[in-house]
Amino acid sequence: MKLNRSSIIGPATATFRQMGRFLVMTLVITLLTSTAFAQFGGGGGQRGPGGGREQMDPEKMASRTTERMKERLKLNENQEASVQALNLERFLSMKETYKKAMDAGDMSLMREEAMKSEAKFEEGLKVVLNATQFKDYTAWKEEQMKQRQERMQQRQMGGGQME
């Protein structure tokens, strides 16, 4: 068999074309996957459509929190409306504070403002709730803090599951 240039280059060219197609398809798939991953906020917890934590707006957060408080503290309709307003004010304030802290790059500002907002919220609750309800709220809040600390410790130790 006589070897000439076209018999050697021909198969190599076909192989390079196949490799080129493979690389282009791999690049397209990678770009599509990374775009979808970024769009849905993938990589965080397990709440959103792409596995990322869902960012709720203040109105939804206030409604969700008020509903839990209504069940836990046995709120009447008037109390529920007042607590809804307090929660909405608190979550709107937190959103604004978070934005300011991120823009300034100063998370200590967020902590300070969150503490002020929480104190204002609790002062409002003292007016709306009766003594027993406020006592139950305080115990519930402490229970939630304890659970949050336990989850944080589990994450730091590398164990436990994300929410």
C-alpha atoms as a PDB file:
ATOM      1  CA  MET A   1       0.000   0.000   0.000  1.00  0.00           C
ATOM      2  CA  LYS A   2       1.291   3.303  -1.013  1.00  0.00           C
ATOM      3  CA  LEU A   3       0.976   6.143   1.503  1.00  0.00           C
ATOM      4  CA  ASN A   4       0.310   9.556   0.160  1.00  0.00           C
ATOM      5  CA  ARG A   5      -0.504  12.797   1.782  1.00  0.00           C
ATOM      6  CA  SER A   6      -4.309  12.631   1.361  1.00  0.00           C
ATOM      7  CA  SER A   7      -4.559   9.144   2.843  1.00  0.00           C
ATOM      8  CA  ILE A   8      -2.811  10.365   6.025  1.00  0.00           C
ATOM      9  CA  ILE A   9      -4.426  13.806   6.338  1.00  0.00           C
ATOM     10  CA  GLY A  10      -7.969  12.699   5.373  1.00  0.00           C
ATOM     11  CA  PRO A  11      -8.689  10.596   8.484  1.00  0.00           C
ATOM     12  CA  ALA A  12      -6.935  13.114  10.726  1.00  0.00           C
ATOM     13  CA  THR A  13      -9.073  15.945   9.347  1.00  0.00           C
ATOM     14  CA  ALA A  14     -12.231  13.954   9.972  1.00  0.00           C
ATOM     15  CA  THR A  15     -11.085  13.249  13.535  1.00  0.00           C
ATOM     16  CA  PHE A  16     -10.360  16.945  14.144  1.00  0.00           C
ATOM     17  CA  ARG A  17     -13.780  17.872  12.787  1.00  0.00           C
ATOM     18  CA  GLN A  18     -15.449  15.398  15.163  1.00  0.00           C
ATOM     19  CA  MET A  19     -13.392  16.700  18.066  1.00  0.00           C
ATOM     20  CA  GLY A  20     -14.312  20.271  17.097  1.00  0.00           C
ATOM     21  CA  ARG A  21     -18.016  19.410  17.027  1.00  0.00           C
ATOM     22  CA  PHE A  22     -17.691  17.661  20.370  1.00  0.00           C
ATOM     23  CA  LEU A  23     -15.953  20.682  21.910  1.00  0.00           C
ATOM     24  CA  VAL A  24     -18.562  23.085  20.523  1.00  0.00           C
ATOM     25  CA  MET A  25     -21.422  20.945  21.864  1.00  0.00           C
ATOM     26  CA  THR A  26     -19.697  20.665  25.247  1.00  0.00           C
ATOM     27  CA  LEU A  27     -19.255  24.445  25.342  1.00  0.00           C
ATOM     28  CA  VAL A  28     -22.926  25.035  24.437  1.00  0.00           C
ATOM     29  CA  ILE A  29     -24.131  22.595  27.111  1.00  0.00           C
ATOM     30  CA  THR A  30     -21.839  24.176  29.702  1.00  0.00           C
ATOM     31  CA  LEU A  31     -23.094  27.670  28.896  1.00  0.00           C
ATOM     32  CA  LEU A  32     -26.738  26.602  29.021  1.00  0.00           C
ATOM     33  CA  THR A  33     -26.247  24.786  32.300  1.00  0.00           C
ATOM     34  CA  SER A  34     -24.384  27.656  33.946  1.00  0.00           C
ATOM     35  CA  THR A  35     -27.000  30.154  32.743  1.00  0.00           C
ATOM     36  CA  ALA A  36     -29.827  28.077  34.206  1.00  0.00           C
ATOM     37  CA  PHE A  37     -27.854  27.575  37.419  1.00  0.00           C
ATOM     38  CA  ALA A  38     -27.317  31.324  37.794  1.00  0.00           C
ATOM     39  CA  GLN A  39     -30.877  32.217  36.811  1.00  0.00           C
ATOM     40  CA  PHE A  40     -32.448  30.018  39.468  1.00  0.00           C
ATOM     41  CA  GLY A  41     -29.859  30.749  42.131  1.00  0.00           C
ATOM     42  CA  GLY A  42     -28.603  27.202  42.375  1.00  0.00           C
ATOM     43  CA  GLY A  43     -26.129  26.079  44.960  1.00  0.00           C
ATOM     44  CA  GLY A  44     -27.653  27.409  48.176  1.00  0.00           C
ATOM     45  CA  GLY A  45     -30.164  25.675  50.387  1.00  0.00           C
ATOM     46  CA  GLN A  46     -33.070  23.635  49.120  1.00  0.00           C
ATOM     47  CA  ARG A  47     -35.912  26.093  48.802  1.00  0.00           C
ATOM     48  CA  GLY A  48     -36.042  27.761  45.397  1.00  0.00           C
ATOM     49  CA  PRO A  49     -36.694  26.333  41.924  1.00  0.00           C
ATOM     50  CA  GLY A  50     -32.992  25.687  41.275  1.00  0.00           C
ATOM     51  CA  GLY A  51     -32.163  24.519  44.778  1.00  0.00           C
ATOM     52  CA  GLY A  52     -31.252  28.027  45.915  1.00  0.00           C
ATOM     53  CA  ARG A  53     -32.840  29.861  48.766  1.00  0.00           C
ATOM     54  CA  GLU A  54     -35.947  31.634  47.673  1.00  0.00           C
ATOM     55  CA  GLN A  55     -35.892  35.377  48.241  1.00  0.00           C
ATOM     56  CA  MET A  56     -39.295  36.361  49.566  1.00  0.00           C
ATOM     57  CA  ASP A  57     -40.599  39.871  49.441  1.00  0.00           C
ATOM     58  CA  PRO A  58     -41.486  41.657  52.706  1.00  0.00           C
ATOM     59  CA  GLU A  59     -45.243  41.292  52.154  1.00  0.00           C
ATOM     60  CA  LYS A  60     -44.987  37.501  51.856  1.00  0.00           C
ATOM     61  CA  MET A  61     -42.644  37.284  54.814  1.00  0.00           C
ATOM     62  CA  ALA A  62     -45.005  39.399  56.925  1.00  0.00           C
ATOM     63  CA  SER A  63     -48.013  37.287  55.954  1.00  0.00           C
ATOM     64  CA  ARG A  64     -46.190  34.031  56.611  1.00  0.00           C
ATOM     65  CA  THR A  65     -44.905  35.194  60.000  1.00  0.00           C
ATOM     66  CA  THR A  66     -48.294  36.605  60.988  1.00  0.00           C
ATOM     67  CA  GLU A  67     -49.974  33.313  60.088  1.00  0.00           C
ATOM     68  CA  ARG A  68     -47.532  31.388  62.299  1.00  0.00           C
ATOM     69  CA  MET A  69     -48.042  33.862  65.134  1.00  0.00           C
ATOM     70  CA  LYS A  70     -51.821  33.652  64.721  1.00  0.00           C
ATOM     71  CA  GLU A  71     -51.705  29.875  65.170  1.00  0.00           C
ATOM     72  CA  ARG A  72     -49.107  29.876  67.930  1.00  0.00           C
ATOM     73  CA  LEU A  73     -50.471  32.775  69.989  1.00  0.00           C
ATOM     74  CA  LYS A  74     -54.199  32.350  69.211  1.00  0.00           C
ATOM     75  CA  LEU A  75     -54.611  35.878  67.848  1.00  0.00           C
ATOM     76  CA  ASN A  76     -58.073  37.346  67.294  1.00  0.00           C
ATOM     77  CA  GLU A  77     -58.886  39.246  64.077  1.00  0.00           C
ATOM     78  CA  ASN A  78     -57.959  42.679  65.442  1.00  0.00           C
ATOM     79  CA  GLN A  79     -54.671  41.374  66.831  1.00  0.00           C
ATOM     80  CA  GLU A  80     -53.924  39.599  63.558  1.00  0.00           C
ATOM     81  CA  ALA A  81     -54.376  42.837  61.573  1.00  0.00           C
ATOM     82  CA  SER A  82     -52.140  44.765  63.992  1.00  0.00           C
ATOM     83  CA  VAL A  83     -49.468  42.054  64.011  1.00  0.00           C
ATOM     84  CA  GLN A  84     -49.569  41.948  60.194  1.00  0.00           C
ATOM     85  CA  ALA A  85     -48.882  45.704  60.090  1.00  0.00           C
ATOM     86  CA  LEU A  86     -46.042  45.373  62.631  1.00  0.00           C
ATOM     87  CA  ASN A  87     -44.489  42.485  60.711  1.00  0.00           C
ATOM     88  CA  LEU A  88     -44.726  44.317  57.401  1.00  0.00           C
ATOM     89  CA  GLU A  89     -43.079  47.402  58.873  1.00  0.00           C
ATOM     90  CA  ARG A  90     -40.332  45.218  60.380  1.00  0.00           C
ATOM     91  CA  PHE A  91     -39.595  43.300  57.162  1.00  0.00           C
ATOM     92  CA  LEU A  92     -39.638  46.428  54.984  1.00  0.00           C
ATOM     93  CA  SER A  93     -37.180  48.015  57.407  1.00  0.00           C
ATOM     94  CA  MET A  94     -34.980  44.906  57.333  1.00  0.00           C
ATOM     95  CA  LYS A  95     -34.945  44.882  53.539  1.00  0.00           C
ATOM     96  CA  GLU A  96     -33.899  48.530  53.408  1.00  0.00           C
ATOM     97  CA  THR A  97     -31.264  48.003  56.111  1.00  0.00           C
ATOM     98  CA  TYR A  98     -29.860  44.984  54.276  1.00  0.00           C
ATOM     99  CA  LYS A  99     -29.591  47.001  51.068  1.00  0.00           C
ATOM    100  CA  LYS A 100     -27.806  49.865  52.848  1.00  0.00           C
ATOM    101  CA  ALA A 101     -25.422  47.472  54.604  1.00  0.00           C
ATOM    102  CA  MET A 102     -24.582  45.678  51.356  1.00  0.00           C
ATOM    103  CA  ASP A 103     -24.012  48.978  49.540  1.00  0.00           C
ATOM    104  CA  ALA A 104     -21.781  50.230  52.353  1.00  0.00           C
ATOM    105  CA  GLY A 105     -20.090  46.855  52.846  1.00  0.00           C
ATOM    106  CA  ASP A 106     -20.752  47.148  56.569  1.00  0.00           C
ATOM    107  CA  MET A 107     -22.685  44.237  58.050  1.00  0.00           C
ATOM    108  CA  SER A 108     -22.295  45.619  61.594  1.00  0.00           C
ATOM    109  CA  LEU A 109     -24.673  48.392  60.490  1.00  0.00           C
ATOM    110  CA  MET A 110     -27.221  45.727  59.629  1.00  0.00           C
ATOM    111  CA  ARG A 111     -26.905  44.086  63.033  1.00  0.00           C
ATOM    112  CA  GLU A 112     -27.416  47.382  64.858  1.00  0.00           C
ATOM    113  CA  GLU A 113     -30.422  48.352  62.758  1.00  0.00           C
ATOM    114  CA  ALA A 114     -31.936  44.868  63.070  1.00  0.00           C
ATOM    115  CA  MET A 115     -31.721  45.100  66.853  1.00  0.00           C
ATOM    116  CA  LYS A 116     -33.442  48.511  66.798  1.00  0.00           C
ATOM    117  CA  SER A 117     -36.126  47.193  64.465  1.00  0.00           C
ATOM    118  CA  GLU A 118     -36.704  44.136  66.647  1.00  0.00           C
ATOM    119  CA  ALA A 119     -37.010  46.292  69.779  1.00  0.00           C
ATOM    120  CA  LYS A 120     -39.558  48.522  68.036  1.00  0.00           C
ATOM    121  CA  PHE A 121     -41.467  45.437  66.863  1.00  0.00           C
ATOM    122  CA  GLU A 122     -41.600  44.006  70.377  1.00  0.00           C
ATOM    123  CA  GLU A 123     -42.785  47.320  71.825  1.00  0.00           C
ATOM    124  CA  GLY A 124     -45.643  47.217  69.336  1.00  0.00           C
ATOM    125  CA  LEU A 125     -46.395  43.610  70.263  1.00  0.00           C
ATOM    126  CA  LYS A 126     -46.624  44.532  73.944  1.00  0.00           C
ATOM    127  CA  VAL A 127     -49.460  46.908  73.055  1.00  0.00           C
ATOM    128  CA  VAL A 128     -51.289  44.408  70.812  1.00  0.00           C
ATOM    129  CA  LEU A 129     -50.886  41.156  72.763  1.00  0.00           C
ATOM    130  CA  ASN A 130     -52.142  40.363  76.226  1.00  0.00           C
ATOM    131  CA  ALA A 131     -49.638  39.347  78.945  1.00  0.00           C
ATOM    132  CA  THR A 132     -50.049  35.598  78.375  1.00  0.00           C
ATOM    133  CA  GLN A 133     -49.646  35.930  74.605  1.00  0.00           C
ATOM    134  CA  PHE A 134     -46.541  38.071  74.981  1.00  0.00           C
ATOM    135  CA  LYS A 135     -45.058  35.558  77.412  1.00  0.00           C
ATOM    136  CA  ASP A 136     -45.785  32.769  74.883  1.00  0.00           C
ATOM    137  CA  TYR A 137     -44.224  34.884  72.130  1.00  0.00           C
ATOM    138  CA  THR A 138     -41.065  35.393  74.202  1.00  0.00           C
ATOM    139  CA  ALA A 139     -40.777  31.657  74.924  1.00  0.00           C
ATOM    140  CA  TRP A 140     -41.358  30.844  71.237  1.00  0.00           C
ATOM    141  CA  LYS A 141     -38.713  33.358  70.185  1.00  0.00           C
ATOM    142  CA  GLU A 142     -36.184  31.824  72.601  1.00  0.00           C
ATOM    143  CA  GLU A 143     -37.008  28.350  71.292  1.00  0.00           C
ATOM    144  CA  GLN A 144     -36.412  29.516  67.716  1.00  0.00           C
ATOM    145  CA  MET A 145     -33.095  31.119  68.694  1.00  0.00           C
ATOM    146  CA  LYS A 146     -31.963  27.889  70.309  1.00  0.00           C
ATOM    147  CA  GLN A 147     -32.900  25.860  67.220  1.00  0.00           C
ATOM    148  CA  ARG A 148     -31.101  28.366  64.959  1.00  0.00           C
ATOM    149  CA  GLN A 149     -27.950  28.118  67.087  1.00  0.00           C
ATOM    150  CA  GLU A 150     -28.065  24.317  66.965  1.00  0.00           C
ATOM    151  CA  ARG A 151     -28.371  24.368  63.163  1.00  0.00           C
ATOM    152  CA  MET A 152     -25.445  26.773  62.916  1.00  0.00           C
ATOM    153  CA  GLN A 153     -23.311  24.519  65.122  1.00  0.00           C
ATOM    154  CA  GLN A 154     -24.203  21.493  63.005  1.00  0.00           C
ATOM    155  CA  ARG A 155     -23.187  23.343  59.839  1.00  0.00           C
ATOM    156  CA  GLN A 156     -19.908  24.463  61.380  1.00  0.00           C
ATOM    157  CA  MET A 157     -19.123  20.873  62.372  1.00  0.00           C
ATOM    158  CA  GLY A 158     -19.965  19.740  58.844  1.00  0.00           C
ATOM    159  CA  GLY A 159     -22.881  17.590  59.933  1.00  0.00           C
ATOM    160  CA  GLY A 160     -26.596  17.916  59.774  1.00  0.00           C
ATOM    161  CA  GLN A 161     -28.775  18.870  56.869  1.00  0.00           C
ATOM    162  CA  MET A 162     -29.516  22.252  55.462  1.00  0.00           C
ATOM    163  CA  GLU A 163     -33.106  23.442  55.855  1.00  0.00           C
END
